[in-house]
Amino acid sequence: MSPEAVGEQPEVPESERTAALAERVAEEAARTGHTVAVAESLTAGRIAAALGAAPDSGTWFRGGVVAYAAEVKRTVLGVPDVPVVTATAAGTMATGVRGLLGADVGVAVTGVGGPGPQDGEPAGSVWFGVTVGSDAATSHHVFDGDPVEVLEQTVTRALELLRDAVATGHAELGDPVSE
C-alpha cells in the first residue's frame, strides 16, 4: 500500500530537500544581504554544489574550500594540530573559510562517513561549525545509516544551520567556539 493510501506524506527525495534548503538560504541572503562561504571535508563539495545551483548565487555565495586532507585543513584553513573530527577543527574551518573568502557567514563540516571509525570517532560522527561576525559555534551529531546516507544527512543539516545563521545573523547551534 502506498503512503498516500494510509494518509502519510510521501518522503521527499534528498535532492529535492537539498535544493529547497539551498533556495531558502538564497532567499535569506537576498533579504539580509549576507554573503556565504563553506568549508567541507566529509561532504567533498556537495554543500557548495547545492548553494551554487540556488537562485542568484553569484550575488551571495562567495565560494567554498574542499579540505579533505588534514594538511589542507591546517595549511589553508588554519586548523591547529588536533584531531580533525572535533569541535576545534569544525569551528576553525568555518572561521578560516569566512576570512579567506571574505564572507559574512561561514559554515564547515568535518566527520566520519564510515563504514568504520576514524581517530576514535564512530561512523556517522559529524562536527559542524558556523561563524557570523564575532559569533562562532559548533555542534555535533552522530547520524545513522550507510556512508551515502550520512553524507545526505550532513548536507541537509549544514544547509539548515546555514539558513538559520543567514536569517538571524547569529551562530547559535550548540557549544560556543573559543578563539
C-alpha atoms as a PDB file:
ATOM      1  CA  MET A   1       0.000   0.000   0.000  1.00  0.00           C
ATOM      2  CA  SER A   2       1.367   3.451  -0.874  1.00  0.00           C
ATOM      3  CA  PRO A   3       1.999   6.075   1.823  1.00  0.00           C
ATOM      4  CA  GLU A   4      -0.723   8.275   0.317  1.00  0.00           C
ATOM      5  CA  ALA A   5      -3.272   5.486   0.758  1.00  0.00           C
ATOM      6  CA  VAL A   6      -2.813   5.443   4.532  1.00  0.00           C
ATOM      7  CA  GLY A   7      -2.669   9.232   4.924  1.00  0.00           C
ATOM      8  CA  GLU A   8       1.114   9.548   5.326  1.00  0.00           C
ATOM      9  CA  GLN A   9       3.198  12.077   3.478  1.00  0.00           C
ATOM     10  CA  PRO A  10       5.485  10.579   0.841  1.00  0.00           C
ATOM     11  CA  GLU A  11       9.171  11.005   1.613  1.00  0.00           C
ATOM     12  CA  VAL A  12      10.765  13.907  -0.241  1.00  0.00           C
ATOM     13  CA  PRO A  13      13.828  12.793  -2.202  1.00  0.00           C
ATOM     14  CA  GLU A  14      17.067  14.094  -0.697  1.00  0.00           C
ATOM     15  CA  SER A  15      17.963  16.048  -3.840  1.00  0.00           C
ATOM     16  CA  GLU A  16      14.667  17.971  -3.645  1.00  0.00           C
ATOM     17  CA  ARG A  17      15.144  18.641   0.079  1.00  0.00           C
ATOM     18  CA  THR A  18      18.681  19.885  -0.556  1.00  0.00           C
ATOM     19  CA  ALA A  19      17.565  22.147  -3.405  1.00  0.00           C
ATOM     20  CA  ALA A  20      14.715  23.561  -1.305  1.00  0.00           C
ATOM     21  CA  LEU A  21      17.055  24.321   1.602  1.00  0.00           C
ATOM     22  CA  ALA A  22      19.594  25.967  -0.711  1.00  0.00           C
ATOM     23  CA  GLU A  23      16.780  28.122  -2.121  1.00  0.00           C
ATOM     24  CA  ARG A  24      15.853  29.167   1.426  1.00  0.00           C
ATOM     25  CA  VAL A  25      19.496  30.155   2.043  1.00  0.00           C
ATOM     26  CA  ALA A  26      19.308  32.208  -1.176  1.00  0.00           C
ATOM     27  CA  GLU A  27      16.095  33.902  -0.029  1.00  0.00           C
ATOM     28  CA  GLU A  28      17.563  34.760   3.364  1.00  0.00           C
ATOM     29  CA  ALA A  29      20.811  36.009   1.811  1.00  0.00           C
ATOM     30  CA  ALA A  30      18.834  38.271  -0.532  1.00  0.00           C
ATOM     31  CA  ARG A  31      16.771  39.543   2.396  1.00  0.00           C
ATOM     32  CA  THR A  32      19.703  40.167   4.756  1.00  0.00           C
ATOM     33  CA  GLY A  33      22.491  40.961   2.312  1.00  0.00           C
ATOM     34  CA  HIS A  34      24.778  38.360   3.927  1.00  0.00           C
ATOM     35  CA  THR A  35      27.397  36.545   1.895  1.00  0.00           C
ATOM     36  CA  VAL A  36      28.241  32.878   2.479  1.00  0.00           C
ATOM     37  CA  ALA A  37      31.324  30.627   2.332  1.00  0.00           C
ATOM     38  CA  VAL A  38      31.669  26.913   3.095  1.00  0.00           C
ATOM     39  CA  ALA A  39      34.496  24.613   4.186  1.00  0.00           C
ATOM     40  CA  GLU A  40      33.875  20.940   3.568  1.00  0.00           C
ATOM     41  CA  SER A  41      35.701  17.762   4.380  1.00  0.00           C
ATOM     42  CA  LEU A  42      33.330  14.814   4.662  1.00  0.00           C
ATOM     43  CA  THR A  43      30.878  16.207   2.082  1.00  0.00           C
ATOM     44  CA  ALA A  44      33.595  16.902  -0.522  1.00  0.00           C
ATOM     45  CA  GLY A  45      31.865  19.872  -2.171  1.00  0.00           C
ATOM     46  CA  ARG A  46      28.225  18.778  -2.021  1.00  0.00           C
ATOM     47  CA  ILE A  47      27.175  21.781   0.071  1.00  0.00           C
ATOM     48  CA  ALA A  48      28.916  24.193  -2.293  1.00  0.00           C
ATOM     49  CA  ALA A  49      27.298  22.498  -5.288  1.00  0.00           C
ATOM     50  CA  ALA A  50      23.827  22.890  -3.759  1.00  0.00           C
ATOM     51  CA  LEU A  51      24.445  26.552  -2.958  1.00  0.00           C
ATOM     52  CA  GLY A  52      25.912  27.264  -6.392  1.00  0.00           C
ATOM     53  CA  ALA A  53      22.755  25.904  -8.008  1.00  0.00           C
ATOM     54  CA  ALA A  54      20.482  28.144  -5.913  1.00  0.00           C
ATOM     55  CA  PRO A  55      18.939  31.346  -7.314  1.00  0.00           C
ATOM     56  CA  ASP A  56      21.233  34.365  -7.697  1.00  0.00           C
ATOM     57  CA  SER A  57      24.128  32.510  -6.033  1.00  0.00           C
ATOM     58  CA  GLY A  58      26.599  34.802  -7.788  1.00  0.00           C
ATOM     59  CA  THR A  59      25.471  37.658  -5.568  1.00  0.00           C
ATOM     60  CA  TRP A  60      25.720  35.981  -2.157  1.00  0.00           C
ATOM     61  CA  PHE A  61      27.779  32.775  -2.420  1.00  0.00           C
ATOM     62  CA  ARG A  62      31.474  33.614  -2.108  1.00  0.00           C
ATOM     63  CA  GLY A  63      32.645  30.019  -2.643  1.00  0.00           C
ATOM     64  CA  GLY A  64      33.984  27.041  -0.800  1.00  0.00           C
ATOM     65  CA  VAL A  65      37.059  25.071   0.137  1.00  0.00           C
ATOM     66  CA  VAL A  66      37.099  21.287   0.000  1.00  0.00           C
ATOM     67  CA  ALA A  67      39.678  20.405   2.631  1.00  0.00           C
ATOM     68  CA  TYR A  68      39.582  16.629   2.609  1.00  0.00           C
ATOM     69  CA  ALA A  69      43.166  16.095   3.747  1.00  0.00           C
ATOM     70  CA  ALA A  70      44.234  17.090   7.263  1.00  0.00           C
ATOM     71  CA  GLU A  71      47.190  19.002   5.786  1.00  0.00           C
ATOM     72  CA  VAL A  72      44.819  21.176   3.727  1.00  0.00           C
ATOM     73  CA  LYS A  73      42.678  21.871   6.788  1.00  0.00           C
ATOM     74  CA  ARG A  74      45.801  23.024   8.599  1.00  0.00           C
ATOM     75  CA  THR A  75      47.595  24.995   5.877  1.00  0.00           C
ATOM     76  CA  VAL A  76      44.624  26.590   4.107  1.00  0.00           C
ATOM     77  CA  LEU A  77      42.059  26.988   6.885  1.00  0.00           C
ATOM     78  CA  GLY A  78      44.289  27.303   9.946  1.00  0.00           C
ATOM     79  CA  VAL A  79      43.184  24.191  11.833  1.00  0.00           C
ATOM     80  CA  PRO A  80      45.668  23.542  14.658  1.00  0.00           C
ATOM     81  CA  ASP A  81      47.391  20.204  15.168  1.00  0.00           C
ATOM     82  CA  VAL A  82      44.352  18.459  16.687  1.00  0.00           C
ATOM     83  CA  PRO A  83      42.257  15.524  15.505  1.00  0.00           C
ATOM     84  CA  VAL A  84      40.259  16.742  12.504  1.00  0.00           C
ATOM     85  CA  VAL A  85      36.885  15.368  13.602  1.00  0.00           C
ATOM     86  CA  THR A  86      36.464  17.727  16.552  1.00  0.00           C
ATOM     87  CA  ALA A  87      34.712  20.937  17.552  1.00  0.00           C
ATOM     88  CA  THR A  88      38.017  22.795  17.316  1.00  0.00           C
ATOM     89  CA  ALA A  89      38.562  21.678  13.729  1.00  0.00           C
ATOM     90  CA  ALA A  90      34.997  22.496  12.636  1.00  0.00           C
ATOM     91  CA  GLY A  91      34.991  25.917  14.279  1.00  0.00           C
ATOM     92  CA  THR A  92      38.395  26.819  12.897  1.00  0.00           C
ATOM     93  CA  MET A  93      37.406  25.662   9.414  1.00  0.00           C
ATOM     94  CA  ALA A  94      34.291  27.886   9.480  1.00  0.00           C
ATOM     95  CA  THR A  95      36.242  30.889  10.723  1.00  0.00           C
ATOM     96  CA  GLY A  96      39.065  30.217   8.270  1.00  0.00           C
ATOM     97  CA  VAL A  97      36.887  29.961   5.167  1.00  0.00           C
ATOM     98  CA  ARG A  98      34.871  33.026   6.130  1.00  0.00           C
ATOM     99  CA  GLY A  99      38.057  35.054   6.409  1.00  0.00           C
ATOM    100  CA  LEU A 100      39.734  33.522   3.367  1.00  0.00           C
ATOM    101  CA  LEU A 101      36.778  34.239   1.086  1.00  0.00           C
ATOM    102  CA  GLY A 102      35.607  37.476   2.715  1.00  0.00           C
ATOM    103  CA  ALA A 103      32.127  36.229   3.609  1.00  0.00           C
ATOM    104  CA  ASP A 104      29.744  37.320   6.336  1.00  0.00           C
ATOM    105  CA  VAL A 105      28.769  33.742   7.240  1.00  0.00           C
ATOM    106  CA  GLY A 106      30.956  30.643   7.234  1.00  0.00           C
ATOM    107  CA  VAL A 107      29.855  27.053   7.708  1.00  0.00           C
ATOM    108  CA  ALA A 108      32.050  23.962   7.950  1.00  0.00           C
ATOM    109  CA  VAL A 109      31.619  20.210   8.237  1.00  0.00           C
ATOM    110  CA  THR A 110      34.097  17.534   9.217  1.00  0.00           C
ATOM    111  CA  GLY A 111      33.270  13.985  10.103  1.00  0.00           C
ATOM    112  CA  VAL A 112      33.392  10.252   9.575  1.00  0.00           C
ATOM    113  CA  GLY A 113      31.220   8.914   6.776  1.00  0.00           C
ATOM    114  CA  GLY A 114      32.004   5.297   7.503  1.00  0.00           C
ATOM    115  CA  PRO A 115      31.678   2.465   7.245  1.00  0.00           C
ATOM    116  CA  GLY A 116      34.295   2.262  10.020  1.00  0.00           C
ATOM    117  CA  PRO A 117      35.523   4.636  12.738  1.00  0.00           C
ATOM    118  CA  GLN A 118      38.298   7.244  12.334  1.00  0.00           C
ATOM    119  CA  ASP A 119      40.505   8.772  15.029  1.00  0.00           C
ATOM    120  CA  GLY A 120      38.323   7.266  17.747  1.00  0.00           C
ATOM    121  CA  GLU A 121      35.111   8.708  16.291  1.00  0.00           C
ATOM    122  CA  PRO A 122      32.362   6.317  15.160  1.00  0.00           C
ATOM    123  CA  ALA A 123      30.976   6.226  11.632  1.00  0.00           C
ATOM    124  CA  GLY A 124      28.354   8.940  11.258  1.00  0.00           C
ATOM    125  CA  SER A 125      30.065  11.332  13.718  1.00  0.00           C
ATOM    126  CA  VAL A 126      29.964  14.860  12.268  1.00  0.00           C
ATOM    127  CA  TRP A 127      31.024  18.230  13.665  1.00  0.00           C
ATOM    128  CA  PHE A 128      29.505  21.441  12.287  1.00  0.00           C
ATOM    129  CA  GLY A 129      30.941  24.922  12.684  1.00  0.00           C
ATOM    130  CA  VAL A 130      29.226  28.229  11.937  1.00  0.00           C
ATOM    131  CA  THR A 131      30.596  31.764  12.199  1.00  0.00           C
ATOM    132  CA  VAL A 132      28.741  35.035  11.734  1.00  0.00           C
ATOM    133  CA  GLY A 133      30.513  38.252  12.637  1.00  0.00           C
ATOM    134  CA  SER A 134      32.010  37.669  16.077  1.00  0.00           C
ATOM    135  CA  ASP A 135      29.656  34.748  16.814  1.00  0.00           C
ATOM    136  CA  ALA A 136      31.075  31.264  16.422  1.00  0.00           C
ATOM    137  CA  ALA A 137      29.504  27.969  17.438  1.00  0.00           C
ATOM    138  CA  THR A 138      29.855  24.257  16.874  1.00  0.00           C
ATOM    139  CA  SER A 139      27.541  21.303  17.141  1.00  0.00           C
ATOM    140  CA  HIS A 140      27.964  17.556  16.948  1.00  0.00           C
ATOM    141  CA  HIS A 141      25.692  14.864  15.602  1.00  0.00           C
ATOM    142  CA  VAL A 142      26.009  11.132  15.046  1.00  0.00           C
ATOM    143  CA  PHE A 143      23.957  10.135  12.008  1.00  0.00           C
ATOM    144  CA  ASP A 144      22.682   6.637  11.361  1.00  0.00           C
ATOM    145  CA  GLY A 145      22.987   4.915   8.020  1.00  0.00           C
ATOM    146  CA  ASP A 146      25.461   3.872   5.393  1.00  0.00           C
ATOM    147  CA  PRO A 147      28.102   6.339   4.108  1.00  0.00           C
ATOM    148  CA  VAL A 148      25.788   7.779   1.416  1.00  0.00           C
ATOM    149  CA  GLU A 149      23.019   8.351   3.960  1.00  0.00           C
ATOM    150  CA  VAL A 150      25.473  10.011   6.364  1.00  0.00           C
ATOM    151  CA  LEU A 151      26.581  12.389   3.585  1.00  0.00           C
ATOM    152  CA  GLU A 152      22.997  13.265   2.672  1.00  0.00           C
ATOM    153  CA  GLN A 153      22.042  13.938   6.290  1.00  0.00           C
ATOM    154  CA  THR A 154      25.182  16.024   6.792  1.00  0.00           C
ATOM    155  CA  VAL A 155      24.450  18.217   3.762  1.00  0.00           C
ATOM    156  CA  THR A 156      20.862  18.696   4.906  1.00  0.00           C
ATOM    157  CA  ARG A 157      21.876  19.659   8.442  1.00  0.00           C
ATOM    158  CA  ALA A 158      24.603  22.027   7.220  1.00  0.00           C
ATOM    159  CA  LEU A 159      22.132  23.815   4.947  1.00  0.00           C
ATOM    160  CA  GLU A 160      19.644  24.103   7.822  1.00  0.00           C
ATOM    161  CA  LEU A 161      22.311  25.634  10.067  1.00  0.00           C
ATOM    162  CA  LEU A 162      23.402  27.960   7.277  1.00  0.00           C
ATOM    163  CA  ARG A 163      19.833  29.048   6.564  1.00  0.00           C
ATOM    164  CA  ASP A 164      19.314  29.892  10.233  1.00  0.00           C
ATOM    165  CA  ALA A 165      22.622  31.758  10.571  1.00  0.00           C
ATOM    166  CA  VAL A 166      22.000  33.834   7.452  1.00  0.00           C
ATOM    167  CA  ALA A 167      18.436  34.605   8.589  1.00  0.00           C
ATOM    168  CA  THR A 168      19.305  35.620  12.152  1.00  0.00           C
ATOM    169  CA  GLY A 169      22.837  36.954  11.811  1.00  0.00           C
ATOM    170  CA  HIS A 170      23.880  34.716  14.711  1.00  0.00           C
ATOM    171  CA  ALA A 171      25.685  31.397  15.155  1.00  0.00           C
ATOM    172  CA  GLU A 172      23.588  29.724  17.824  1.00  0.00           C
ATOM    173  CA  LEU A 173      23.753  25.979  17.449  1.00  0.00           C
ATOM    174  CA  GLY A 174      25.472  24.455  20.383  1.00  0.00           C
ATOM    175  CA  ASP A 175      28.801  24.927  22.033  1.00  0.00           C
ATOM    176  CA  PRO A 176      30.496  28.324  21.680  1.00  0.00           C
ATOM    177  CA  VAL A 177      33.866  28.133  19.958  1.00  0.00           C
ATOM    178  CA  SER A 178      36.708  29.667  21.921  1.00  0.00           C
ATOM    179  CA  GLU A 179      39.023  31.799  19.801  1.00  0.00           C
END
